C-alpha atoms as a PDB file:
ATOM      1  CA  MET A   1    -102.023 254.597  15.539  1.00  0.00           C
ATOM      2  CA  GLU A   2    -104.649 256.543  13.643  1.00  0.00           C
ATOM      3  CA  SER A   3    -104.958 256.250   9.892  1.00  0.00           C
ATOM      4  CA  HIS A   4    -106.928 258.486   7.527  1.00  0.00           C
ATOM      5  CA  GLU A   5    -107.284 257.849   3.798  1.00  0.00           C
ATOM      6  CA  TRP A   6    -108.639 259.838   0.874  1.00  0.00           C
ATOM      7  CA  SER A   7    -108.133 260.214  -2.861  1.00  0.00           C
ATOM      8  CA  GLU A   8    -108.234 262.924  -5.474  1.00  0.00           C
ATOM      9  CA  LYS A   9    -108.103 262.957  -9.240  1.00  0.00           C
ATOM     10  CA  THR A  10    -105.488 265.226 -10.818  1.00  0.00           C
ATOM     11  CA  ASP A  11    -104.506 265.363 -14.491  1.00  0.00           C
ATOM     12  CA  GLY A  12    -106.446 262.174 -15.222  1.00  0.00           C
ATOM     13  CA  VAL A  13    -104.581 260.207 -12.528  1.00  0.00           C
ATOM     14  CA  LYS A  14    -106.198 259.193  -9.268  1.00  0.00           C
ATOM     15  CA  VAL A  15    -103.839 259.726  -6.316  1.00  0.00           C
ATOM     16  CA  TYR A  16    -104.502 257.972  -3.019  1.00  0.00           C
ATOM     17  CA  TYR A  17    -103.307 259.471   0.267  1.00  0.00           C
ATOM     18  CA  ARG A  18    -102.835 257.860   3.660  1.00  0.00           C
ATOM     19  CA  ALA A  19    -102.028 259.894   6.770  1.00  0.00           C
ATOM     20  CA  ASN A  20    -100.889 258.141   9.932  1.00  0.00           C
ATOM     21  CA  PHE A  21    -100.590 259.673  13.376  1.00  0.00           C
ATOM     22  CA  ILE A  22     -97.970 257.680  15.276  1.00  0.00           C
ATOM     23  CA  GLY A  23     -96.031 258.722  18.352  1.00  0.00           C
ATOM     24  CA  GLY A  24     -97.209 262.310  18.273  1.00  0.00           C
ATOM     25  CA  ARG A  25     -96.320 263.015  14.651  1.00  0.00           C
ATOM     26  CA  TRP A  26     -97.947 262.776  11.235  1.00  0.00           C
ATOM     27  CA  THR A  27     -96.662 260.835   8.234  1.00  0.00           C
ATOM     28  CA  ILE A  28     -98.334 261.121   4.843  1.00  0.00           C
ATOM     29  CA  MET A  29     -97.930 258.578   2.075  1.00  0.00           C
ATOM     30  CA  THR A  30     -99.169 258.461  -1.525  1.00  0.00           C
ATOM     31  CA  THR A  31     -99.770 255.892  -4.239  1.00  0.00           C
ATOM     32  CA  THR A  32    -101.514 255.705  -7.591  1.00  0.00           C
ATOM     33  CA  MET A  33    -102.400 252.018  -7.365  1.00  0.00           C
ATOM     34  CA  LYS A  34    -105.647 250.835  -5.821  1.00  0.00           C
ATOM     35  CA  ARG A  35    -104.707 247.146  -5.663  1.00  0.00           C
ATOM     36  CA  ASP A  36    -101.468 246.049  -4.031  1.00  0.00           C
ATOM     37  CA  PRO A  37    -100.297 249.639  -3.494  1.00  0.00           C
ATOM     38  CA  GLU A  38     -96.686 250.582  -2.940  1.00  0.00           C
ATOM     39  CA  TRP A  39     -96.916 253.543  -0.589  1.00  0.00           C
ATOM     40  CA  THR A  40     -94.318 256.306  -0.876  1.00  0.00           C
ATOM     41  CA  ASP A  41     -93.626 258.791   1.926  1.00  0.00           C
ATOM     42  CA  LEU A  42     -94.539 262.320   0.899  1.00  0.00           C
ATOM     43  CA  ARG A  43     -91.722 264.741   1.757  1.00  0.00           C
ATOM     44  CA  GLY A  44     -92.367 268.476   1.806  1.00  0.00           C
ATOM     45  CA  VAL A  45     -96.123 268.071   2.150  1.00  0.00           C
ATOM     46  CA  PRO A  46     -98.028 270.862   0.333  1.00  0.00           C
ATOM     47  CA  VAL A  47    -100.385 272.952   2.433  1.00  0.00           C
ATOM     48  CA  ASP A  48    -103.356 271.796   0.310  1.00  0.00           C
ATOM     49  CA  VAL A  49    -102.769 268.205   1.457  1.00  0.00           C
ATOM     50  CA  TRP A  50    -102.654 269.336   5.091  1.00  0.00           C
ATOM     51  CA  ARG A  51    -105.923 271.236   4.597  1.00  0.00           C
ATOM     52  CA  GLU A  52    -107.614 268.198   3.071  1.00  0.00           C
ATOM     53  CA  LEU A  53    -106.427 266.046   5.980  1.00  0.00           C
ATOM     54  CA  ARG A  54    -107.678 268.662   8.452  1.00  0.00           C
ATOM     55  CA  ASP A  55    -111.109 268.596   6.793  1.00  0.00           C
ATOM     56  CA  ILE A  56    -111.242 264.790   7.069  1.00  0.00           C
ATOM     57  CA  VAL A  57    -110.123 264.820  10.709  1.00  0.00           C
ATOM     58  CA  TRP A  58    -112.623 267.611  11.504  1.00  0.00           C
ATOM     59  CA  LYS A  59    -115.489 265.518  10.120  1.00  0.00           C
ATOM     60  CA  LYS A  60    -114.351 262.535  12.184  1.00  0.00           C
ATOM     61  CA  TYR A  61    -114.123 264.760  15.282  1.00  0.00           C
ATOM     62  CA  GLN A  62    -117.713 265.896  14.745  1.00  0.00           C
ATOM     63  CA  ARG A  63    -118.817 262.247  14.761  1.00  0.00           C
ATOM     64  CA  LYS A  64    -116.750 261.612  17.938  1.00  0.00           C
ATOM     65  CA  ARG A  65    -114.343 259.322  16.078  1.00  0.00           C
ATOM     66  CA  CYS A  66    -111.252 261.471  16.586  1.00  0.00           C
ATOM     67  CA  PRO A  67    -109.969 263.642  19.483  1.00  0.00           C
ATOM     68  CA  TRP A  68    -109.861 267.444  19.276  1.00  0.00           C
ATOM     69  CA  GLU A  69    -106.070 267.391  19.745  1.00  0.00           C
ATOM     70  CA  ARG A  70    -105.649 266.040  16.178  1.00  0.00           C
ATOM     71  CA  VAL A  71    -107.606 268.969  14.722  1.00  0.00           C
ATOM     72  CA  ALA A  72    -105.634 271.457  16.819  1.00  0.00           C
ATOM     73  CA  ASP A  73    -102.339 269.847  15.783  1.00  0.00           C
ATOM     74  CA  LEU A  74    -103.240 270.162  12.095  1.00  0.00           C
ATOM     75  CA  ASP A  75    -104.294 273.796  12.630  1.00  0.00           C
ATOM     76  CA  ARG A  76    -100.843 274.461  14.097  1.00  0.00           C
ATOM     77  CA  ILE A  77     -99.108 272.788  11.136  1.00  0.00           C
ATOM     78  CA  ILE A  78    -101.174 274.762   8.595  1.00  0.00           C
ATOM     79  CA  ALA A  79    -100.505 278.036  10.452  1.00  0.00           C
ATOM     80  CA  GLU A  80     -96.740 277.526   9.959  1.00  0.00           C
ATOM     81  CA  TYR A  81     -97.110 277.875   6.179  1.00  0.00           C
ATOM     82  CA  PRO A  82     -96.788 281.386   4.748  1.00  0.00           C
ATOM     83  CA  PRO A  83    -100.082 282.972   3.678  1.00  0.00           C
ATOM     84  CA  ALA A  84    -101.021 282.618   0.018  1.00  0.00           C
ATOM     85  CA  ALA A  85    -100.440 285.750  -2.043  1.00  0.00           C
END
């Protein structure tokens, strides 16, 4: 299992993300609590979250901490979203 974590601040609330790659598929969870978090599965993941995850995985790939297949898989997922108007 691979796990990638990041956070972002939106509307004054800090949201923490955790993406896990298990058994050939991605799951993304969120929480707003730093200590003793209760993670909630994110359904209908927005393309911006996928792009942020791809950026994180790309940086890990460059440092030889992640295989290229993860980057390619995320590129495929992002390509399935309709282009922004």
